[in-house]
C-alpha atoms as a PDB file:
ATOM      1  CA  MET A   1      16.034  -9.870 -11.132  1.00  0.00           C
ATOM      2  CA  LYS A   2      16.323 -10.863  -8.005  1.00  0.00           C
ATOM      3  CA  VAL A   3      12.189 -10.986  -6.444  1.00  0.00           C
ATOM      4  CA  ASP A   4      11.970 -11.405  -2.561  1.00  0.00           C
ATOM      5  CA  VAL A   5       7.500 -12.008  -2.157  1.00  0.00           C
ATOM      6  CA  HIS A   6       6.866 -11.476   1.907  1.00  0.00           C
ATOM      7  CA  PHE A   7       3.420 -12.317   3.088  1.00  0.00           C
ATOM      8  CA  THR A   8       4.309  -9.938   6.280  1.00  0.00           C
ATOM      9  CA  ARG A   9       6.012  -7.260   7.753  1.00  0.00           C
ATOM     10  CA  ALA A  10       7.784 -10.085  10.746  1.00  0.00           C
ATOM     11  CA  GLU A  11       9.204 -11.676   7.657  1.00  0.00           C
ATOM     12  CA  VAL A  12      11.612  -8.502   6.143  1.00  0.00           C
ATOM     13  CA  ASP A  13      14.518  -8.391   7.485  1.00  0.00           C
ATOM     14  CA  ALA A  14      15.449  -4.465   7.498  1.00  0.00           C
ATOM     15  CA  ALA A  15      18.842  -4.930   7.352  1.00  0.00           C
ATOM     16  CA  ALA A  16      19.201  -6.738   4.456  1.00  0.00           C
ATOM     17  CA  LEU A  17      17.363  -4.126   2.167  1.00  0.00           C
ATOM     18  CA  GLY A  18      19.971  -1.800   1.434  1.00  0.00           C
ATOM     19  CA  GLU A  19      20.332  -2.706  -2.056  1.00  0.00           C
ATOM     20  CA  SER A  20      16.693  -3.008  -2.860  1.00  0.00           C
ATOM     21  CA  THR A  21      13.643  -1.288  -4.180  1.00  0.00           C
ATOM     22  CA  VAL A  22      10.822  -2.175  -2.152  1.00  0.00           C
ATOM     23  CA  VAL A  23       6.732  -2.004  -3.084  1.00  0.00           C
ATOM     24  CA  VAL A  24       4.891  -1.853  -0.021  1.00  0.00           C
ATOM     25  CA  ILE A  25       0.944  -3.226  -0.140  1.00  0.00           C
ATOM     26  CA  ASP A  26      -1.815  -3.294   1.465  1.00  0.00           C
ATOM     27  CA  VAL A  27      -4.813  -3.205  -0.721  1.00  0.00           C
ATOM     28  CA  LEU A  28      -8.408  -2.638   2.124  1.00  0.00           C
ATOM     29  CA  ARG A  29      -7.017  -0.064   2.743  1.00  0.00           C
ATOM     30  CA  ALA A  30      -3.766   1.875   3.547  1.00  0.00           C
ATOM     31  CA  THR A  31      -1.954   2.409   0.141  1.00  0.00           C
ATOM     32  CA  THR A  32      -5.241   2.151  -2.208  1.00  0.00           C
ATOM     33  CA  THR A  33      -5.900   5.189   0.089  1.00  0.00           C
ATOM     34  CA  ILE A  34      -2.931   6.524  -0.169  1.00  0.00           C
ATOM     35  CA  VAL A  35      -3.170   6.032  -4.117  1.00  0.00           C
ATOM     36  CA  GLU A  36      -6.140   8.378  -4.122  1.00  0.00           C
ATOM     37  CA  ALA A  37      -4.987  10.972  -1.677  1.00  0.00           C
ATOM     38  CA  LEU A  38      -2.048  11.718  -3.631  1.00  0.00           C
ATOM     39  CA  ALA A  39      -3.531  10.932  -7.580  1.00  0.00           C
ATOM     40  CA  ASN A  40      -6.716  13.323  -5.796  1.00  0.00           C
ATOM     41  CA  GLY A  41      -3.757  16.390  -4.839  1.00  0.00           C
ATOM     42  CA  ALA A  42      -2.210  15.844  -1.858  1.00  0.00           C
ATOM     43  CA  VAL A  43       1.187  17.034  -1.601  1.00  0.00           C
ATOM     44  CA  GLY A  44       2.150  13.824   0.901  1.00  0.00           C
ATOM     45  CA  VAL A  45       0.955  10.649   3.013  1.00  0.00           C
ATOM     46  CA  TYR A  46       3.448  10.809   6.405  1.00  0.00           C
ATOM     47  CA  PRO A  47       3.118   7.168   7.624  1.00  0.00           C
ATOM     48  CA  THR A  48       3.416   6.524  11.103  1.00  0.00           C
ATOM     49  CA  SER A  49       3.067   3.218  13.981  1.00  0.00           C
ATOM     50  CA  SER A  50       0.808   4.687  16.024  1.00  0.00           C
ATOM     51  CA  ALA A  51      -1.878   7.571  16.952  1.00  0.00           C
ATOM     52  CA  ALA A  52      -0.168  10.003  19.266  1.00  0.00           C
ATOM     53  CA  ASP A  53       2.815   9.734  16.739  1.00  0.00           C
ATOM     54  CA  ALA A  54       0.301  10.632  14.072  1.00  0.00           C
ATOM     55  CA  ALA A  55      -1.488  13.800  16.423  1.00  0.00           C
ATOM     56  CA  GLN A  56       2.521  14.888  17.156  1.00  0.00           C
ATOM     57  CA  LEU A  57       4.096  15.254  13.778  1.00  0.00           C
ATOM     58  CA  ALA A  58       0.344  16.698  12.403  1.00  0.00           C
ATOM     59  CA  ALA A  59       1.042  18.899  15.166  1.00  0.00           C
ATOM     60  CA  SER A  60       4.186  20.276  13.803  1.00  0.00           C
ATOM     61  CA  LEU A  61       3.321  20.156  10.530  1.00  0.00           C
ATOM     62  CA  GLY A  62       0.741  22.803  10.908  1.00  0.00           C
ATOM     63  CA  ARG A  63      -3.137  21.611  11.290  1.00  0.00           C
ATOM     64  CA  GLU A  64      -4.488  24.301   8.994  1.00  0.00           C
ATOM     65  CA  ASP A  65      -2.031  22.401   6.230  1.00  0.00           C
ATOM     66  CA  ALA A  66      -2.594  18.932   8.067  1.00  0.00           C
ATOM     67  CA  LEU A  67      -5.154  16.468   7.934  1.00  0.00           C
ATOM     68  CA  LEU A  68      -4.752  13.051  10.394  1.00  0.00           C
ATOM     69  CA  CYS A  69      -6.049  10.114   8.863  1.00  0.00           C
ATOM     70  CA  GLY A  70      -6.747   6.608   9.572  1.00  0.00           C
ATOM     71  CA  GLU A  71      -8.110   3.368  11.975  1.00  0.00           C
ATOM     72  CA  ARG A  72      -8.219   1.065  13.959  1.00  0.00           C
ATOM     73  CA  LYS A  73      -9.768  -2.474  13.397  1.00  0.00           C
ATOM     74  CA  GLY A  74     -11.521  -0.396  10.542  1.00  0.00           C
ATOM     75  CA  VAL A  75     -12.693   2.558  12.414  1.00  0.00           C
ATOM     76  CA  LYS A  76     -11.875   6.063  12.626  1.00  0.00           C
ATOM     77  CA  VAL A  77      -9.693   6.789  14.996  1.00  0.00           C
ATOM     78  CA  ASP A  78     -11.495   8.976  17.629  1.00  0.00           C
ATOM     79  CA  GLY A  79     -10.533  12.944  16.764  1.00  0.00           C
ATOM     80  CA  PHE A  80      -9.043  11.908  14.114  1.00  0.00           C
ATOM     81  CA  ASP A  81     -10.291  14.130  10.428  1.00  0.00           C
ATOM     82  CA  LEU A  82     -10.837  10.753   7.653  1.00  0.00           C
ATOM     83  CA  GLY A  83     -10.527   7.575   8.515  1.00  0.00           C
ATOM     84  CA  ASN A  84      -9.125   4.880   5.831  1.00  0.00           C
ATOM     85  CA  SER A  85     -12.046   5.116   2.893  1.00  0.00           C
ATOM     86  CA  PRO A  86     -10.576   5.813  -0.311  1.00  0.00           C
ATOM     87  CA  ALA A  87     -13.671   7.409  -1.236  1.00  0.00           C
ATOM     88  CA  GLU A  88     -13.523   9.928   1.160  1.00  0.00           C
ATOM     89  CA  PHE A  89     -10.073  11.089   0.133  1.00  0.00           C
ATOM     90  CA  THR A  90     -11.447  13.029  -3.193  1.00  0.00           C
ATOM     91  CA  ALA A  91      -9.913  16.087  -4.275  1.00  0.00           C
ATOM     92  CA  GLU A  92     -12.380  18.675  -2.274  1.00  0.00           C
ATOM     93  CA  VAL A  93     -10.531  17.404   0.770  1.00  0.00           C
ATOM     94  CA  VAL A  94      -7.349  16.327   0.002  1.00  0.00           C
ATOM     95  CA  ASP A  95      -5.401  19.279  -2.286  1.00  0.00           C
ATOM     96  CA  GLY A  96      -2.832  20.869  -1.208  1.00  0.00           C
ATOM     97  CA  LYS A  97      -3.002  19.078   2.211  1.00  0.00           C
ATOM     98  CA  LYS A  98      -0.081  16.867   4.025  1.00  0.00           C
ATOM     99  CA  LEU A  99      -1.830  13.239   5.024  1.00  0.00           C
ATOM    100  CA  VAL A 100      -0.359  11.915   8.863  1.00  0.00           C
ATOM    101  CA  MET A 101      -1.858   8.667   8.470  1.00  0.00           C
ATOM    102  CA  SER A 102      -1.831   5.462  11.337  1.00  0.00           C
ATOM    103  CA  THR A 103      -3.451   2.261  10.396  1.00  0.00           C
ATOM    104  CA  THR A 104      -3.611  -1.021  11.570  1.00  0.00           C
ATOM    105  CA  ASN A 105      -1.431  -2.854   9.272  1.00  0.00           C
ATOM    106  CA  GLY A 106      -0.410  -0.876   6.148  1.00  0.00           C
ATOM    107  CA  THR A 107       1.328   2.450   7.739  1.00  0.00           C
ATOM    108  CA  ARG A 108       3.133   0.623  10.328  1.00  0.00           C
ATOM    109  CA  ALA A 109       4.998  -2.032   6.749  1.00  0.00           C
ATOM    110  CA  PHE A 110       6.223   0.780   6.108  1.00  0.00           C
ATOM    111  CA  SER A 111       8.733   1.005   9.389  1.00  0.00           C
ATOM    112  CA  ALA A 112      10.102  -2.554   7.992  1.00  0.00           C
ATOM    113  CA  ALA A 113      11.171  -0.856   4.922  1.00  0.00           C
ATOM    114  CA  LEU A 114      12.489   2.012   6.073  1.00  0.00           C
ATOM    115  CA  GLU A 115      16.552   0.402   4.901  1.00  0.00           C
ATOM    116  CA  ALA A 116      15.657  -0.095   0.879  1.00  0.00           C
ATOM    117  CA  CYS A 117      17.589   1.873  -1.843  1.00  0.00           C
ATOM    118  CA  ARG A 118      13.870   2.824  -3.401  1.00  0.00           C
ATOM    119  CA  VAL A 119      10.516   2.430  -1.697  1.00  0.00           C
ATOM    120  CA  LEU A 120       7.310   2.476  -3.546  1.00  0.00           C
ATOM    121  CA  VAL A 121       3.659   2.181  -2.644  1.00  0.00           C
ATOM    122  CA  CYS A 122       1.134  -0.695  -4.483  1.00  0.00           C
ATOM    123  CA  ALA A 123      -2.435  -1.586  -4.422  1.00  0.00           C
ATOM    124  CA  PHE A 124      -4.782  -2.781  -7.650  1.00  0.00           C
ATOM    125  CA  THR A 125      -5.232   1.135  -8.374  1.00  0.00           C
ATOM    126  CA  ASN A 126      -1.788   1.494  -9.501  1.00  0.00           C
ATOM    127  CA  LEU A 127      -0.833  -1.890 -10.695  1.00  0.00           C
ATOM    128  CA  GLY A 128       0.200  -1.070 -14.054  1.00  0.00           C
ATOM    129  CA  ALA A 129       2.381   1.842 -12.769  1.00  0.00           C
ATOM    130  CA  VAL A 130       4.108   0.293 -10.347  1.00  0.00           C
ATOM    131  CA  ALA A 131       5.081  -2.760 -12.317  1.00  0.00           C
ATOM    132  CA  ALA A 132       7.131  -0.249 -14.824  1.00  0.00           C
ATOM    133  CA  ALA A 133       8.468   1.732 -12.370  1.00  0.00           C
ATOM    134  CA  VAL A 134      10.515  -1.652 -11.002  1.00  0.00           C
ATOM    135  CA  SER A 135      10.928  -3.300 -14.436  1.00  0.00           C
ATOM    136  CA  ALA A 136      14.622  -2.165 -14.289  1.00  0.00           C
ATOM    137  CA  ASP A 137      15.663  -3.190 -10.907  1.00  0.00           C
ATOM    138  CA  GLU A 138      18.124  -5.446  -9.917  1.00  0.00           C
ATOM    139  CA  THR A 139      16.443  -6.478  -6.271  1.00  0.00           C
ATOM    140  CA  LEU A 140      13.289  -6.440  -5.733  1.00  0.00           C
ATOM    141  CA  VAL A 141      10.651  -7.081  -2.439  1.00  0.00           C
ATOM    142  CA  VAL A 142       7.391  -6.946  -2.071  1.00  0.00           C
ATOM    143  CA  LEU A 143       6.168  -6.696   0.812  1.00  0.00           C
ATOM    144  CA  CYS A 144       2.374  -7.057   1.970  1.00  0.00           C
ATOM    145  CA  ALA A 145       0.865  -5.780   4.534  1.00  0.00           C
ATOM    146  CA  GLY A 146      -1.084  -8.838   5.677  1.00  0.00           C
ATOM    147  CA  GLN A 147      -3.566  -8.733   8.330  1.00  0.00           C
ATOM    148  CA  GLY A 148      -2.777  -8.262  12.007  1.00  0.00           C
ATOM    149  CA  ASP A 149       0.636 -10.405  11.470  1.00  0.00           C
ATOM    150  CA  ARG A 150      -0.686 -12.732   9.706  1.00  0.00           C
ATOM    151  CA  PHE A 151      -1.392 -13.840   6.029  1.00  0.00           C
ATOM    152  CA  SER A 152      -4.367 -11.862   3.918  1.00  0.00           C
ATOM    153  CA  ILE A 153      -4.688 -12.927   0.775  1.00  0.00           C
ATOM    154  CA  ASP A 154      -5.973  -9.775  -1.045  1.00  0.00           C
ATOM    155  CA  ASP A 155      -2.257  -8.401  -0.937  1.00  0.00           C
ATOM    156  CA  ALA A 156      -0.739 -12.178  -1.779  1.00  0.00           C
ATOM    157  CA  LEU A 157      -3.056 -11.630  -4.641  1.00  0.00           C
ATOM    158  CA  CYS A 158      -1.851  -7.983  -5.345  1.00  0.00           C
ATOM    159  CA  ALA A 159       1.740  -9.475  -4.904  1.00  0.00           C
ATOM    160  CA  GLY A 160       1.595 -11.869  -7.301  1.00  0.00           C
ATOM    161  CA  HIS A 161      -0.473  -9.615 -10.550  1.00  0.00           C
ATOM    162  CA  LEU A 162       2.615  -7.085 -10.260  1.00  0.00           C
ATOM    163  CA  VAL A 163       5.169 -10.518 -10.465  1.00  0.00           C
ATOM    164  CA  ARG A 164       3.423 -11.922 -13.198  1.00  0.00           C
ATOM    165  CA  ARG A 165       3.404  -8.333 -14.529  1.00  0.00           C
ATOM    166  CA  VAL A 166       6.602  -7.639 -14.074  1.00  0.00           C
ATOM    167  CA  VAL A 167       7.840 -11.335 -15.215  1.00  0.00           C
ATOM    168  CA  GLU A 168       6.153 -11.130 -18.221  1.00  0.00           C
ATOM    169  CA  THR A 169       7.082  -7.952 -19.623  1.00  0.00           C
ATOM    170  CA  GLY A 170      10.862  -8.255 -18.762  1.00  0.00           C
ATOM    171  CA  THR A 171      13.485  -9.312 -20.148  1.00  0.00           C
ATOM    172  CA  ASN A 172      15.699  -9.398 -17.841  1.00  0.00           C
ATOM    173  CA  THR A 173      16.164 -13.259 -15.975  1.00  0.00           C
ATOM    174  CA  PHE A 174      14.482 -13.945 -12.594  1.00  0.00           C
ATOM    175  CA  GLU A 175      14.728 -15.774  -9.805  1.00  0.00           C
ATOM    176  CA  LEU A 176      12.118 -15.501  -7.527  1.00  0.00           C
ATOM    177  CA  ASN A 177      11.947 -16.785  -4.060  1.00  0.00           C
ATOM    178  CA  ASP A 178       8.591 -19.419  -3.103  1.00  0.00           C
ATOM    179  CA  ALA A 179       6.391 -16.847  -1.838  1.00  0.00           C
ATOM    180  CA  ALA A 180       7.108 -14.927  -5.482  1.00  0.00           C
ATOM    181  CA  ARG A 181       6.058 -18.620  -6.965  1.00  0.00           C
ATOM    182  CA  ALA A 182       3.205 -18.853  -5.211  1.00  0.00           C
ATOM    183  CA  ALA A 183       1.598 -15.664  -5.300  1.00  0.00           C
ATOM    184  CA  ARG A 184       2.282 -15.674  -8.998  1.00  0.00           C
ATOM    185  CA  ALA A 185       0.678 -18.968  -9.516  1.00  0.00           C
ATOM    186  CA  LEU A 186      -2.268 -17.285  -7.452  1.00  0.00           C
ATOM    187  CA  ALA A 187      -2.616 -14.740  -9.869  1.00  0.00           C
ATOM    188  CA  GLU A 188      -2.955 -16.914 -12.704  1.00  0.00           C
ATOM    189  CA  GLU A 189      -6.287 -18.364 -10.848  1.00  0.00           C
ATOM    190  CA  LEU A 190      -7.665 -14.895  -9.563  1.00  0.00           C
ATOM    191  CA  ASN A 191      -8.176 -11.534 -10.426  1.00  0.00           C
ATOM    192  CA  PRO A 192      -9.311  -9.029  -7.796  1.00  0.00           C
ATOM    193  CA  ASP A 193     -13.412  -7.548  -8.204  1.00  0.00           C
ATOM    194  CA  ARG A 194     -15.750  -6.867  -5.453  1.00  0.00           C
ATOM    195  CA  ALA A 195     -16.377 -10.434  -5.649  1.00  0.00           C
ATOM    196  CA  PHE A 196     -13.489 -11.593  -4.100  1.00  0.00           C
ATOM    197  CA  LEU A 197     -12.977  -9.203  -1.612  1.00  0.00           C
ATOM    198  CA  GLU A 198     -16.265  -9.190  -0.302  1.00  0.00           C
ATOM    199  CA  ASP A 199     -15.941 -12.716   0.208  1.00  0.00           C
ATOM    200  CA  ILE A 200     -11.779 -12.930   2.124  1.00  0.00           C
ATOM    201  CA  SER A 201     -11.987 -12.535   5.775  1.00  0.00           C
ATOM    202  CA  ALA A 202     -10.639  -9.095   5.961  1.00  0.00           C
ATOM    203  CA  GLY A 203     -13.691  -7.648   3.545  1.00  0.00           C
ATOM    204  CA  ARG A 204     -15.904  -9.720   5.409  1.00  0.00           C
ATOM    205  CA  ALA A 205     -14.565  -7.727   8.168  1.00  0.00           C
ATOM    206  CA  LEU A 206     -15.061  -4.444   6.562  1.00  0.00           C
ATOM    207  CA  ALA A 207     -18.556  -5.309   5.731  1.00  0.00           C
ATOM    208  CA  GLU A 208     -19.698  -6.064   9.212  1.00  0.00           C
ATOM    209  CA  ILE A 209     -18.824  -1.771   9.802  1.00  0.00           C
ATOM    210  CA  GLY A 210     -20.479  -0.845   7.004  1.00  0.00           C
ATOM    211  CA  LEU A 211     -17.579  -0.212   4.824  1.00  0.00           C
ATOM    212  CA  ALA A 212     -18.407  -2.555   2.057  1.00  0.00           C
ATOM    213  CA  GLY A 213     -18.465   0.418  -0.625  1.00  0.00           C
ATOM    214  CA  ASP A 214     -14.901   0.713  -0.087  1.00  0.00           C
ATOM    215  CA  PHE A 215     -14.614  -2.725  -2.347  1.00  0.00           C
ATOM    216  CA  GLU A 216     -15.625  -0.594  -5.569  1.00  0.00           C
ATOM    217  CA  ILE A 217     -12.344   1.596  -5.503  1.00  0.00           C
ATOM    218  CA  CYS A 218      -9.438  -1.264  -3.829  1.00  0.00           C
ATOM    219  CA  GLY A 219     -10.638  -3.917  -6.098  1.00  0.00           C
ATOM    220  CA  GLU A 220     -10.598  -1.678  -9.730  1.00  0.00           C
ATOM    221  CA  VAL A 221      -7.068  -2.542 -11.210  1.00  0.00           C
ATOM    222  CA  ASP A 222      -5.069   0.342 -13.382  1.00  0.00           C
ATOM    223  CA  ARG A 223      -7.459   3.374 -12.042  1.00  0.00           C
ATOM    224  CA  HIS A 224      -4.743   5.516 -11.412  1.00  0.00           C
ATOM    225  CA  ASP A 225      -1.018   6.247 -13.627  1.00  0.00           C
ATOM    226  CA  ILE A 226       0.651   7.336 -10.525  1.00  0.00           C
ATOM    227  CA  VAL A 227       3.364   5.511  -8.365  1.00  0.00           C
ATOM    228  CA  PRO A 228       4.088   6.645  -5.085  1.00  0.00           C
ATOM    229  CA  MET A 229       7.468   6.788  -2.968  1.00  0.00           C
ATOM    230  CA  MET A 230       8.899   7.034   0.085  1.00  0.00           C
ATOM    231  CA  HIS A 231      11.514  10.106   0.733  1.00  0.00           C
ATOM    232  CA  ASN A 232      12.721  10.286   4.341  1.00  0.00           C
ATOM    233  CA  GLN A 233       9.316   9.169   5.861  1.00  0.00           C
ATOM    234  CA  ALA A 234       7.290  11.501   3.449  1.00  0.00           C
ATOM    235  CA  ILE A 235       5.527   9.399   0.071  1.00  0.00           C
ATOM    236  CA  THR A 236       4.996  11.935  -2.630  1.00  0.00           C
ATOM    237  CA  LEU A 237       4.346  11.516  -6.215  1.00  0.00           C
ATOM    238  CA  ALA A 238       7.412  10.111  -7.802  1.00  0.00           C
ATOM    239  CA  GLY A 239       8.986  12.438 -10.202  1.00  0.00           C
ATOM    240  CA  ALA A 240       7.601  15.335  -7.664  1.00  0.00           C
END
C-alpha cells in the first residue's frame, strides 16, 4: 500500500487522485462534527466552500428539510441554523435533516478531493472504523485540512494514528511518504485528549471564544463505529 499524508490541501495535486482513496481530516472541528451529525441521524452533509454557496444549496434542497451549518473564525455564520460545535448536532436537532455546511478550513478540503475514486471522513471519533475501511486499499491519501492552509498538529496527529493503525494491522507492504512517516512518528509520542487539544494553537483559539467544551467530543477516540463517505459532493454513511 502506498500511503501519502498531506498536511494542507495546498500540497495536494487534485488531478493525480483518480486511483486513490482520500481520507479528509479536520479534528477541530469539521470532520468531528460531520461524524457526530451522521451518527445522530442526519441524512447527509453537503460541504461547500463559501457561505453564499451554502445558502443557495440549502434553498435548492428545501429549507424545511435542510439546515445551514458552519463558521468563520470559529463563530457561527450569521443567519445559519448551527455553528460547527459537534455537541450542537444532537439527534433531536439533525435526525432526518440534510446539513449544508461551510467552514473556514474543513469543508474547503473536500474540494481538493473531488477527483478521488473514494473520499472518506475521519476524526479521532471514528478512527478505528476508517482504518478498517481503508486497510485493503492500494493507494491511500490522507488530507489534513490544516489551519488557514498551514500545518495544524491536531490534524497531523490524527493522520499519524490512522497511518499507525493501518500499518500495524495490515498485511501489505507499505510505502510511506515523508509526511506519513513524520505523522506516524508523532502518533508514537502523543495521544489525543482534552489537555492536548487545549494546548495547541487551534485549541487556544477556540477556548478564547468560549468553545473549549468542544474538546470533550473532539478528543474522544473511537466514539463512533461509522465511516462517512462523500459521493457526488454529498457525505453519507458508507453503505447507506
